[in-house]
Protein backbone atom coordinates (compact mmCIF):
# COMPACT_ATOMS: atom_id res chain seq x y z
CA MET A 1 30.25 40.78 50.87
CA LYS A 2 27.80 41.54 48.11
CA ARG A 3 28.08 39.15 45.17
CA ILE A 4 28.04 40.78 41.77
CA VAL A 5 28.27 39.82 38.12
CA LEU A 6 30.78 41.86 36.11
CA CYS A 7 29.92 41.24 32.47
CA ALA A 8 32.02 42.18 29.45
CA ASP A 9 29.80 42.80 26.45
CA ASP A 10 30.67 42.29 22.77
CA TYR A 11 32.73 39.10 22.85
CA GLY A 12 33.35 38.27 19.18
CA LEU A 13 32.98 41.84 17.92
CA ALA A 14 36.68 42.03 16.99
CA PRO A 15 39.81 39.95 17.72
CA GLY A 16 41.20 42.60 20.06
CA VAL A 17 37.97 42.77 22.04
CA SER A 18 37.78 39.00 22.43
CA GLN A 19 41.44 38.74 23.43
CA ALA A 20 41.10 41.46 26.06
CA ILE A 21 38.07 39.74 27.56
CA ARG A 22 39.87 36.40 27.73
CA GLU A 23 42.85 38.05 29.43
CA LEU A 24 40.60 39.62 32.06
CA ILE A 25 38.81 36.32 32.65
CA ALA A 26 42.17 34.63 33.23
CA LEU A 27 43.05 37.38 35.72
CA GLY A 28 39.82 36.82 37.61
CA ARG A 29 38.48 40.28 36.80
CA LEU A 30 35.30 39.15 35.00
CA ASN A 31 32.76 36.45 35.72
CA ALA A 32 30.54 36.87 32.66
CA THR A 33 30.82 37.77 28.99
CA SER A 34 28.17 38.21 26.30
CA ALA A 35 28.96 36.77 22.87
CA MET A 36 27.83 38.17 19.53
CA THR A 37 26.91 35.47 17.01
CA VAL A 38 26.53 37.42 13.76
CA PHE A 39 30.19 37.27 12.71
CA PRO A 40 31.80 34.40 10.74
CA ASP A 41 34.62 33.67 13.21
CA LEU A 42 32.24 32.75 16.05
CA ALA A 43 33.30 29.09 16.22
CA GLU A 44 36.99 29.96 16.55
CA GLU A 45 36.37 32.59 19.21
CA ALA A 46 34.15 30.16 21.13
CA LYS A 47 36.94 27.56 21.16
CA ARG A 48 39.43 30.13 22.47
CA LEU A 49 37.04 31.14 25.22
CA ALA A 50 36.39 27.52 26.17
CA VAL A 51 40.08 26.91 26.95
CA THR A 52 40.65 30.19 28.77
CA PRO A 53 41.66 29.44 32.37
CA SER A 54 39.65 31.16 35.08
CA PRO A 55 39.97 31.18 38.87
CA ALA A 56 36.17 31.09 39.19
CA PRO A 57 33.15 30.03 37.11
CA VAL A 58 32.32 32.35 34.21
CA GLN A 59 28.85 32.72 32.74
CA ILE A 60 28.64 33.00 28.96
CA GLY A 61 25.63 34.73 27.52
CA LEU A 62 24.19 35.67 24.15
CA HIS A 63 24.50 39.32 23.13
CA VAL A 64 21.46 39.50 20.85
CA THR A 65 22.43 41.77 17.96
CA LEU A 66 19.62 43.52 16.07
CA SER A 67 21.40 46.79 15.29
CA GLY A 68 24.77 48.08 14.13
CA GLY A 69 24.65 47.73 10.36
CA PHE A 70 25.85 44.12 10.42
CA LYS A 71 24.49 41.30 8.29
CA PRO A 72 21.73 39.41 10.13
CA LEU A 73 21.78 35.64 10.28
CA VAL A 74 18.30 35.40 8.76
CA SER A 75 16.34 38.65 9.02
CA ALA A 76 16.61 42.27 10.12
CA PRO A 77 14.05 43.42 12.73
CA MET A 78 12.69 46.00 10.29
CA PRO A 79 12.97 46.54 6.54
CA THR A 80 16.24 48.19 5.47
CA ARG A 81 17.41 49.13 1.98
CA ASP A 82 20.47 46.91 2.10
CA GLY A 83 19.02 44.13 4.24
CA MET A 84 21.49 44.86 7.03
CA LEU A 85 20.64 45.40 10.69
CA PRO A 86 19.48 49.00 11.22
CA PRO A 87 21.59 51.63 13.01
CA MET A 88 20.89 52.02 16.72
CA ALA A 89 19.37 55.50 16.19
CA VAL A 90 16.84 54.09 13.72
CA LEU A 91 15.87 51.21 15.99
CA TYR A 92 15.41 53.58 18.95
CA SER A 93 13.31 56.04 16.94
CA PRO A 94 9.75 56.48 18.29
CA LEU A 95 8.48 55.38 14.87
CA SER A 96 10.40 52.12 14.97
CA ARG A 97 7.77 50.32 17.02
CA PHE A 98 5.49 50.61 13.99
CA ARG A 99 8.19 49.35 11.60
CA ILE A 100 9.59 46.48 13.65
CA VAL A 101 8.35 43.14 12.35
CA ARG A 102 7.89 40.87 15.34
CA ALA A 103 8.10 37.69 13.30
CA ALA A 104 11.45 38.86 11.91
CA VAL A 105 12.71 39.61 15.44
CA ALA A 106 11.68 36.14 16.61
CA ALA A 107 13.35 34.50 13.61
CA GLU A 108 16.61 36.36 14.10
CA VAL A 109 16.72 35.78 17.86
CA GLU A 110 16.05 32.09 17.26
CA ALA A 111 18.86 31.94 14.69
CA GLN A 112 21.27 33.64 17.08
CA ILE A 113 20.38 31.31 19.95
CA GLU A 114 20.90 28.29 17.70
CA ALA A 115 24.22 29.72 16.45
CA PHE A 116 25.31 30.11 20.09
CA LYS A 117 24.36 26.50 20.83
CA ARG A 118 26.36 25.22 17.86
CA ALA A 119 29.43 27.26 18.79
CA PHE A 120 29.44 26.65 22.55
CA GLY A 121 27.75 23.27 22.67
CA ARG A 122 25.01 24.44 25.01
CA ALA A 123 22.40 27.11 25.57
CA PRO A 124 23.48 30.53 26.85
CA ASP A 125 23.53 31.14 30.61
CA TYR A 126 21.79 34.46 30.05
CA ILE A 127 20.69 36.79 27.27
CA ASP A 128 21.14 40.52 26.86
CA GLY A 129 21.25 42.82 23.85
CA HIS A 130 23.64 44.92 21.80
CA HIS A 131 22.62 48.57 22.38
CA HIS A 132 20.10 47.19 24.94
CA VAL A 133 17.76 46.18 22.10
CA GLN A 134 16.09 43.54 24.28
CA LEU A 135 14.29 46.35 26.11
CA LEU A 136 12.59 47.99 23.13
CA PRO A 137 8.78 47.80 22.98
CA GLY A 138 8.70 46.16 19.55
CA VAL A 139 11.44 43.67 20.42
CA ARG A 140 10.90 42.49 23.97
CA LYS A 141 7.78 40.34 23.47
CA PRO A 142 9.03 38.21 20.53
CA LEU A 143 12.49 38.02 22.12
CA LEU A 144 11.17 36.79 25.47
CA GLU A 145 8.81 34.33 23.80
CA THR A 146 11.74 32.89 21.85
CA VAL A 147 13.95 32.71 24.94
CA ALA A 148 11.20 30.92 26.87
CA LYS A 149 10.98 28.38 24.06
CA LEU A 150 14.66 27.79 23.27
CA ALA A 151 16.60 28.77 26.43
CA PRO A 152 14.12 28.61 29.33
CA LYS A 153 16.82 28.31 31.99
CA ALA A 154 18.59 31.50 30.89
CA TRP A 155 18.06 34.77 32.72
CA VAL A 156 17.70 38.02 30.80
CA ARG A 157 19.29 41.37 31.57
CA GLN A 158 17.20 44.29 32.66
CA CYS A 159 18.93 47.64 33.08
CA ALA A 160 17.36 49.41 36.06
CA PRO A 161 18.64 49.85 39.62
CA LEU A 162 16.93 48.03 42.48
CA GLN A 163 15.50 51.34 43.71
CA LYS A 164 13.69 52.78 40.70
CA SER A 165 13.57 56.23 42.33
CA LYS A 166 17.28 56.57 41.55
CA LEU A 167 16.37 56.93 37.87
CA LEU A 168 15.03 60.41 38.58
CA ARG A 169 18.57 61.58 39.37
CA ALA A 170 20.31 59.59 36.64
CA ASP A 171 21.73 60.75 33.31
CA ASN A 172 19.53 60.54 30.22
CA LYS A 173 20.96 57.23 28.99
CA THR A 174 20.58 55.48 32.33
CA ARG A 175 17.09 56.90 32.77
CA LEU A 176 15.99 55.71 29.31
CA ILE A 177 17.16 52.12 29.59
CA GLY A 178 16.01 52.00 33.20
CA ALA A 179 12.51 53.12 32.28
CA LEU A 180 12.33 50.60 29.44
CA SER A 181 13.49 47.89 31.83
CA ILE A 182 10.48 48.23 34.12
CA ALA A 183 8.07 46.89 31.48
CA PHE A 184 10.69 44.42 30.21
CA ALA A 185 11.20 42.84 33.65
CA LYS A 186 7.46 42.53 34.24
CA LEU A 187 6.98 40.82 30.88
CA ALA A 188 9.92 38.49 31.57
CA GLY A 189 8.29 37.50 34.86
CA ARG A 190 5.03 36.66 33.09
CA HIS A 191 7.02 34.32 30.83
CA GLY A 192 8.70 32.67 33.82
CA ILE A 193 12.11 34.13 32.95
CA LYS A 194 14.40 35.45 35.68
CA THR A 195 16.06 38.87 35.57
CA ASN A 196 18.93 40.46 37.48
CA PRO A 197 17.75 42.48 40.52
CA SER A 198 19.89 45.53 39.74
CA PHE A 199 22.12 46.96 37.04
CA SER A 200 24.89 49.51 36.60
CA GLY A 201 27.62 50.39 34.11
CA ALA A 202 25.96 52.80 31.69
CA TYR A 203 27.75 56.08 31.05
CA ASN A 204 28.39 58.68 28.36
CA TYR A 205 31.15 57.19 26.23
CA GLY A 206 31.89 60.59 24.77
CA GLY A 207 32.30 62.20 28.19
CA THR A 208 35.45 63.07 30.07
CA ASP A 209 34.88 61.16 33.32
CA SER A 210 37.66 58.69 33.99
CA PHE A 211 36.63 55.06 33.99
CA ALA A 212 38.43 54.61 37.32
CA GLY A 213 35.97 56.95 38.99
CA LEU A 214 33.03 55.53 37.10
CA PHE A 215 33.87 51.95 38.00
CA ALA A 216 34.20 52.81 41.68
CA ARG A 217 30.71 54.32 41.54
CA PHE A 218 29.26 51.35 39.66
CA VAL A 219 30.58 48.88 42.24
CA ALA A 220 29.49 51.05 45.15
CA GLU A 221 25.89 51.43 43.92
CA ILE A 222 25.21 47.90 42.67
CA THR A 223 23.29 45.59 45.02
CA ASP A 224 23.78 41.91 45.80
CA GLY A 225 23.19 39.74 42.74
CA GLY A 226 23.33 42.73 40.40
CA VAL A 227 25.05 43.08 37.05
CA ILE A 228 27.64 45.64 35.99
CA MET A 229 28.31 45.79 32.26
CA CYS A 230 31.64 46.85 30.79
CA HIS A 231 33.23 47.03 27.34
CA PRO A 232 36.97 46.27 27.60
CA GLY A 233 39.01 45.68 24.48
CA HIS A 234 42.29 46.05 22.62
CA ILE A 235 42.00 48.34 19.61
CA ASP A 236 42.46 46.82 16.16
CA ASP A 237 41.38 47.56 12.59
CA VAL A 238 38.41 45.21 12.80
CA LEU A 239 37.06 47.08 15.82
CA ARG A 240 37.50 50.41 14.03
CA SER A 241 35.53 49.08 11.07
CA ARG A 242 32.66 47.72 13.16
CA ASP A 243 32.06 50.13 16.02
CA ILE A 244 32.36 53.73 17.17
CA LEU A 245 33.27 52.81 20.76
CA ILE A 246 37.07 52.58 20.43
CA GLU A 247 39.41 54.32 22.88
CA ARG A 248 37.16 53.84 25.89
CA ARG A 249 37.52 50.07 25.50
CA GLN A 250 41.27 50.26 26.09
CA GLU A 251 40.72 52.55 29.07
CA GLU A 252 38.27 50.08 30.59
CA TYR A 253 40.67 47.18 30.03
CA SER A 254 43.55 49.04 31.67
CA LEU A 255 41.50 49.79 34.78
CA LEU A 256 40.11 46.29 35.13
CA ALA A 257 43.57 44.76 34.73
CA SER A 258 45.12 47.08 37.32
CA GLU A 259 45.25 47.03 41.12
CA GLN A 260 42.62 49.79 41.15
CA PHE A 261 40.12 47.04 40.40
CA HIS A 262 40.86 45.38 43.74
CA VAL A 263 40.75 48.71 45.56
CA ALA A 264 37.30 49.55 44.19
CA MET A 265 35.96 46.08 44.95
CA LYS A 266 37.31 46.10 48.51
CA GLU A 267 35.98 49.57 49.27
CA ALA A 268 32.54 48.55 48.01
CA GLY A 269 32.56 45.23 49.87
CA ALA A 270 31.98 43.38 46.60
CA THR A 271 33.13 40.07 45.17
CA LEU A 272 32.69 38.41 41.80
CA ALA A 273 30.53 35.49 42.76
CA GLY A 274 27.06 34.10 42.58
CA GLU A 275 24.65 34.19 39.69
CA ALA A 276 22.29 36.89 38.52
CA GLY A 277 18.71 36.24 37.56
CA THR A 278 17.44 35.89 41.11
CA SER A 279 14.56 38.37 41.01
C-alpha cells in the first residue's frame, strides 16, 4: 500500500469550511489540514479542531496567506492602495517579483507562524500557501528563511509530481505550479527543509469534470509519501464573502464523505498514513 497525505486546505476560511474539514477528519477521510491564521476567529477554530476525534493521527499545517484581499497580520507582500493582501492575479503577475518586498514577506510569514503557535500551542507540522504563494520567486526565499528559523522541523509543500516529465502533458495550472516547485524544492533543500516527494490535486475549478473522476486520478497518480490537496467545505455566507471557490467545495466534501472515497483508495492501493516531507 502506498501511504499518502490527503490535505484539506483553507481551515479557518469560513465556519462551513472548518466544520466540513472536522467532519471528514472524524470520518477518517483526511490526515492533514492547513490552517489560515489571518482571521479573528482562529483561536476558536483551533480549539474545535483540537477536540475533533480522529481514527488516525492528523497533521496540522500553516496555510501561509499572502493573497486574497484579506487584512494582513502585519504587512502585505507588496504595496497596495488599501493595505490589504493583493489579489492572486496581481501576485502572480510577471511584474510582481519587482514589487514584492522580501522584508515584508518575512515579517508577515513570521507573524502567521507565531499566530499559529499561539492558537495551537505548538509549531505547524508543515507549511504550504494559499494560492501556492510559497512557490513564487519573490516569496520563496524569505519564506523558507523564516521557516528555517521559526519552524525548522516543519516540511514545506512543493507542487510537482515525482516524475517531472509528466508536467509536459499536464494542464496549464499544474504545469505552472509544478515548474515553480522545481526551484522551490531545491532552495528548501539548501535550507535543510524537507519537502513532499510528489503532489496532486490541482484542477480547473471552473471546469465540468466531476470530482469523483478527478479524485480517482489524483489517488492513482500520487506516489508513496505524496500529498493530495483538496478543498472541501459547506457553503455559508462567510465563504461567499471571502472566496470565489464555492460550489466545488460542497462537491468535494460529498465525494470524500461517500463510499466512493474507499473505492478510489482501494483501486489505487493507497492508504492515509505516514508523513510527507521525506524527500
